[in-house]
Amino acid sequence: VVAAAVRLPEGPKPRSLRGLNDSKLLSADERERFFDAVHRIADVGVGVASVEEIDTLNIYHANLRAMQRAFDALSEPPAHALVDGRAKPELGCQVEAIVKGDRRSLSIAAASVVAKVTRDRLMHELADTFPDYGWRTNVGYGTDVHYLGLLRKGPTEHHRRSFAPLNTIFAPMATAWHDFRFVPIEESVDPSGLELFFLRNDLHAVFDREGRHVGVVKKARGGWRFLAMGYANDGA
């Protein structure tokens, strides 16, 4: 988890930050532009809490730790801090929590962009080493590609073990997925022998009677749809 602290210069709103809003409402290109603009004019601190800390402390306390580290990384500590949400980390100064603060405070919006871009860049770097999970595009969120990557390759040391599906269908005691195979199928598949493996409420992997992956069943508008998938000899 990544947090950021931003101390903007005093005075009127900088022109370079016009249009800055909650990072979730901005496109990737807009976030990159504002990321550069914020670093040019503001004092910026970034804090990171590791996967191990998240699994040990839980996400709430790991997030507080990341915020404390971001605050400590500022070149000069402010006397008053605005924090997005309801949590009040112990920062050594007066703290004001603002619900939906990234839409109500320019400095919080700036911090949300810095944190989002920093985290996305970290995930892009990891995607070069772990290309099977779609991290370059989904940056770690539970997309279909991410779930299928877990099914094929299992979790990495960068996956949060205390979160679903790592603590459910991919938990150490859950061994069913180890028997699945991702290999070419040249003959026709008997539909009467197909089996479903639950991934999400709206996504199931489909295997034949020999445990070979043949596709997914996904719920969409209009009902459930089957998407066939094939593999080369190298499993790609």
Protein backbone atom coordinates (compact mmCIF):
# COMPACT_ATOMS: atom_id res chain seq x y z
CA VAL A 1 0.00 0.00 0.00
CA VAL A 2 1.32 3.44 -0.96
CA ALA A 3 0.48 6.77 0.68
CA ALA A 4 1.63 10.28 -0.15
CA ALA A 5 1.79 13.62 1.65
CA VAL A 6 1.81 16.89 -0.28
CA ARG A 7 2.47 20.38 1.02
CA LEU A 8 1.44 22.91 -1.62
CA PRO A 9 2.87 26.43 -1.79
CA GLU A 10 0.87 29.18 -0.10
CA GLY A 11 -1.22 31.50 -2.20
CA PRO A 12 -3.79 31.04 -4.98
CA LYS A 13 -4.35 27.71 -6.68
CA PRO A 14 -1.44 27.01 -9.05
CA ARG A 15 -2.36 27.08 -12.71
CA SER A 16 -0.61 23.80 -13.33
CA LEU A 17 -3.06 22.07 -10.99
CA ARG A 18 -6.25 23.28 -12.62
CA GLY A 19 -8.51 20.29 -13.17
CA LEU A 20 -6.82 18.23 -10.46
CA ASN A 21 -9.32 15.98 -8.72
CA ASP A 22 -9.68 12.58 -7.08
CA SER A 23 -7.15 10.34 -8.84
CA LYS A 24 -9.90 7.79 -9.59
CA LEU A 25 -11.69 10.38 -11.72
CA LEU A 26 -8.64 11.13 -13.86
CA SER A 27 -7.23 9.26 -16.83
CA ALA A 28 -3.79 7.67 -16.63
CA ASP A 29 -2.33 10.44 -18.80
CA GLU A 30 -3.90 13.13 -16.60
CA ARG A 31 -2.52 11.49 -13.48
CA GLU A 32 0.98 11.41 -14.96
CA ARG A 33 0.73 15.09 -15.93
CA PHE A 34 -0.43 16.15 -12.47
CA PHE A 35 2.17 13.88 -10.84
CA ASP A 36 4.93 15.86 -12.59
CA ALA A 37 3.23 19.19 -11.88
CA VAL A 38 2.89 18.47 -8.15
CA HIS A 39 6.55 17.46 -7.85
CA ARG A 40 7.63 20.69 -9.56
CA ILE A 41 5.89 23.01 -7.11
CA ALA A 42 5.25 21.10 -3.86
CA ASP A 43 6.97 19.36 -0.98
CA VAL A 44 6.15 15.67 -1.52
CA GLY A 45 6.61 12.66 0.75
CA VAL A 46 5.83 9.02 -0.13
CA GLY A 47 5.40 6.11 2.29
CA VAL A 48 5.02 2.41 1.54
CA ALA A 49 3.81 -0.48 3.71
CA SER A 50 4.92 -3.92 2.56
CA VAL A 51 2.84 -7.00 1.82
CA GLU A 52 4.22 -8.57 5.01
CA GLU A 53 3.04 -5.59 7.05
CA ILE A 54 -0.41 -5.74 5.50
CA ASP A 55 -0.77 -9.44 6.31
CA THR A 56 0.60 -8.95 9.84
CA LEU A 57 -1.07 -5.69 10.86
CA ASN A 58 -4.17 -5.72 8.55
CA ILE A 59 -4.78 -3.21 5.77
CA TYR A 60 -6.10 -0.46 8.06
CA HIS A 61 -3.03 -0.32 10.30
CA ALA A 62 -0.67 -0.85 7.35
CA ASN A 63 -2.29 2.14 5.66
CA LEU A 64 -1.77 4.24 8.80
CA ARG A 65 1.89 3.22 8.82
CA ALA A 66 2.28 4.21 5.17
CA MET A 67 0.70 7.61 5.90
CA GLN A 68 3.07 8.17 8.81
CA ARG A 69 6.04 7.36 6.58
CA ALA A 70 4.79 9.72 3.88
CA PHE A 71 4.39 12.51 6.44
CA ASP A 72 7.89 11.86 7.83
CA ALA A 73 9.32 12.04 4.31
CA LEU A 74 8.31 15.71 3.91
CA SER A 75 11.25 18.09 4.08
CA GLU A 76 9.50 20.15 6.74
CA PRO A 77 6.65 18.85 8.94
CA PRO A 78 3.49 20.98 8.81
CA ALA A 79 1.58 22.07 11.90
CA HIS A 80 -1.75 20.84 10.51
CA ALA A 81 -2.49 17.82 8.32
CA LEU A 82 -5.58 17.03 6.25
CA VAL A 83 -6.16 13.29 5.88
CA ASP A 84 -8.51 11.60 3.44
CA GLY A 85 -11.16 9.40 5.07
CA ARG A 86 -11.95 8.89 8.75
CA ALA A 87 -8.62 7.58 10.06
CA LYS A 88 -6.37 9.86 12.09
CA PRO A 89 -2.78 8.65 12.05
CA GLU A 90 -0.47 9.88 14.81
CA LEU A 91 1.62 12.45 12.96
CA GLY A 92 2.83 14.68 15.75
CA CYS A 93 0.64 17.57 14.63
CA GLN A 94 -3.03 18.48 14.49
CA VAL A 95 -4.86 16.06 12.16
CA GLU A 96 -8.18 16.72 10.44
CA ALA A 97 -9.89 13.76 8.76
CA ILE A 98 -12.03 14.63 5.73
CA VAL A 99 -14.39 12.07 4.21
CA LYS A 100 -13.98 12.10 0.40
CA GLY A 101 -11.16 14.53 0.97
CA ASP A 102 -9.64 13.88 -2.45
CA ARG A 103 -12.65 15.68 -3.92
CA ARG A 104 -12.76 18.49 -1.35
CA SER A 105 -9.11 19.37 -0.78
CA LEU A 106 -6.53 20.24 -3.44
CA SER A 107 -3.61 18.98 -1.37
CA ILE A 108 -5.36 15.65 -0.68
CA ALA A 109 -6.20 15.31 -4.37
CA ALA A 110 -2.54 15.97 -5.18
CA ALA A 111 -1.46 13.34 -2.66
CA SER A 112 -3.93 10.81 -4.09
CA VAL A 113 -2.43 11.29 -7.57
CA VAL A 114 1.13 10.91 -6.30
CA ALA A 115 0.25 7.73 -4.39
CA LYS A 116 -1.69 6.23 -7.31
CA VAL A 117 0.99 6.92 -9.91
CA THR A 118 3.75 5.67 -7.60
CA ARG A 119 1.92 2.43 -6.92
CA ASP A 120 1.06 1.89 -10.59
CA ARG A 121 4.71 2.33 -11.54
CA LEU A 122 5.74 -0.22 -8.93
CA MET A 123 3.23 -2.69 -10.37
CA HIS A 124 4.50 -2.05 -13.90
CA GLU A 125 8.01 -2.90 -12.74
CA LEU A 126 6.76 -6.12 -11.13
CA ALA A 127 4.93 -7.01 -14.34
CA ASP A 128 8.27 -7.34 -16.14
CA THR A 129 9.29 -10.07 -13.69
CA PHE A 130 5.82 -11.63 -13.28
CA PRO A 131 4.11 -11.30 -16.68
CA ASP A 132 1.29 -13.79 -16.08
CA TYR A 133 -0.99 -11.65 -13.91
CA GLY A 134 -1.74 -8.67 -16.15
CA TRP A 135 -0.22 -6.22 -13.67
CA ARG A 136 0.82 -3.79 -16.38
CA THR A 137 -2.83 -3.01 -17.07
CA ASN A 138 -4.78 -4.11 -13.97
CA VAL A 139 -2.02 -3.00 -11.50
CA GLY A 140 -3.00 -5.75 -9.09
CA TYR A 141 -6.78 -5.50 -9.09
CA GLY A 142 -8.87 -8.67 -9.33
CA THR A 143 -9.52 -8.78 -13.06
CA ASP A 144 -10.19 -11.97 -15.01
CA VAL A 145 -6.59 -12.03 -16.22
CA HIS A 146 -5.30 -11.72 -12.66
CA TYR A 147 -7.49 -14.59 -11.42
CA LEU A 148 -6.47 -16.83 -14.32
CA GLY A 149 -2.82 -15.98 -13.66
CA LEU A 150 -3.26 -17.14 -10.07
CA LEU A 151 -4.89 -20.32 -11.31
CA ARG A 152 -2.05 -21.09 -13.72
CA LYS A 153 0.98 -19.94 -11.76
CA GLY A 154 -0.18 -19.63 -8.17
CA PRO A 155 0.53 -16.64 -5.91
CA THR A 156 3.82 -14.75 -5.76
CA GLU A 157 5.54 -13.21 -2.75
CA HIS A 158 3.89 -9.93 -3.76
CA HIS A 159 0.33 -11.19 -3.25
CA ARG A 160 -1.46 -10.37 0.00
CA ARG A 161 -2.05 -13.72 1.70
CA SER A 162 -4.69 -12.34 4.08
CA PHE A 163 -6.96 -11.24 1.21
CA ALA A 164 -9.37 -13.32 -0.88
CA PRO A 165 -8.84 -15.30 -3.00
CA LEU A 166 -5.39 -15.96 -1.47
CA ASN A 167 -6.90 -16.86 1.91
CA THR A 168 -9.68 -18.97 0.36
CA ILE A 169 -9.29 -20.90 -2.90
CA PHE A 170 -5.51 -20.36 -3.02
CA ALA A 171 -4.84 -20.88 0.69
CA PRO A 172 -2.10 -23.41 1.63
CA MET A 173 -4.73 -26.04 2.54
CA ALA A 174 -6.62 -25.58 -0.75
CA THR A 175 -4.91 -27.96 -3.16
CA ALA A 176 -7.53 -28.47 -5.89
CA TRP A 177 -5.99 -25.92 -8.25
CA HIS A 178 -2.64 -27.74 -8.18
CA ASP A 179 -4.11 -30.57 -10.30
CA PHE A 180 -5.24 -28.35 -13.17
CA ARG A 181 -3.33 -28.38 -16.45
CA PHE A 182 -2.92 -25.68 -19.08
CA VAL A 183 -1.95 -27.65 -22.16
CA PRO A 184 -2.97 -27.88 -25.85
CA ILE A 185 -6.10 -29.93 -26.55
CA GLU A 186 -6.21 -31.22 -30.11
CA GLU A 187 -9.23 -33.51 -29.85
CA SER A 188 -12.85 -32.51 -29.26
CA VAL A 189 -13.90 -32.08 -25.65
CA ASP A 190 -16.81 -34.03 -24.21
CA PRO A 191 -19.16 -31.37 -22.80
CA SER A 192 -20.74 -33.87 -20.44
CA GLY A 193 -17.47 -34.18 -18.53
CA LEU A 194 -16.82 -30.48 -17.96
CA GLU A 195 -16.32 -29.16 -14.43
CA LEU A 196 -16.50 -25.62 -13.06
CA PHE A 197 -14.01 -24.14 -10.62
CA PHE A 198 -15.22 -21.09 -8.68
CA LEU A 199 -13.04 -18.00 -8.98
CA ARG A 200 -15.51 -15.18 -8.30
CA ASN A 201 -19.26 -14.92 -8.10
CA ASP A 202 -19.25 -13.88 -11.74
CA LEU A 203 -16.34 -16.00 -12.99
CA HIS A 204 -15.74 -19.75 -13.12
CA ALA A 205 -12.91 -21.62 -14.83
CA VAL A 206 -13.94 -24.61 -16.96
CA PHE A 207 -11.97 -27.88 -17.09
CA ASP A 208 -12.49 -31.18 -18.87
CA ARG A 209 -12.55 -34.54 -17.09
CA GLU A 210 -8.74 -34.74 -17.32
CA GLY A 211 -8.26 -31.43 -15.53
CA ARG A 212 -7.32 -29.50 -18.68
CA HIS A 213 -8.40 -25.88 -18.85
CA VAL A 214 -10.77 -25.19 -21.72
CA GLY A 215 -12.12 -21.74 -20.89
CA VAL A 216 -14.18 -19.65 -18.49
CA VAL A 217 -17.83 -19.02 -17.79
CA LYS A 218 -18.48 -15.36 -17.04
CA LYS A 219 -21.63 -13.61 -15.98
CA ALA A 220 -22.44 -10.53 -18.02
CA ARG A 221 -25.50 -8.59 -19.05
CA GLY A 222 -27.96 -11.04 -20.52
CA GLY A 223 -26.70 -14.03 -18.56
CA TRP A 224 -23.73 -16.37 -18.45
CA ARG A 225 -21.33 -16.72 -21.36
CA PHE A 226 -18.68 -19.31 -22.13
CA LEU A 227 -15.31 -18.15 -23.48
CA ALA A 228 -13.10 -20.91 -24.88
CA MET A 229 -9.34 -20.66 -24.31
CA GLY A 230 -6.46 -22.58 -25.84
CA TYR A 231 -2.79 -23.07 -24.99
CA ALA A 232 0.38 -23.62 -26.95
CA ASN A 233 2.92 -26.32 -26.11
CA ASP A 234 4.78 -23.90 -23.85
CA GLY A 235 1.59 -23.16 -21.87
CA ALA A 236 1.20 -19.65 -23.29
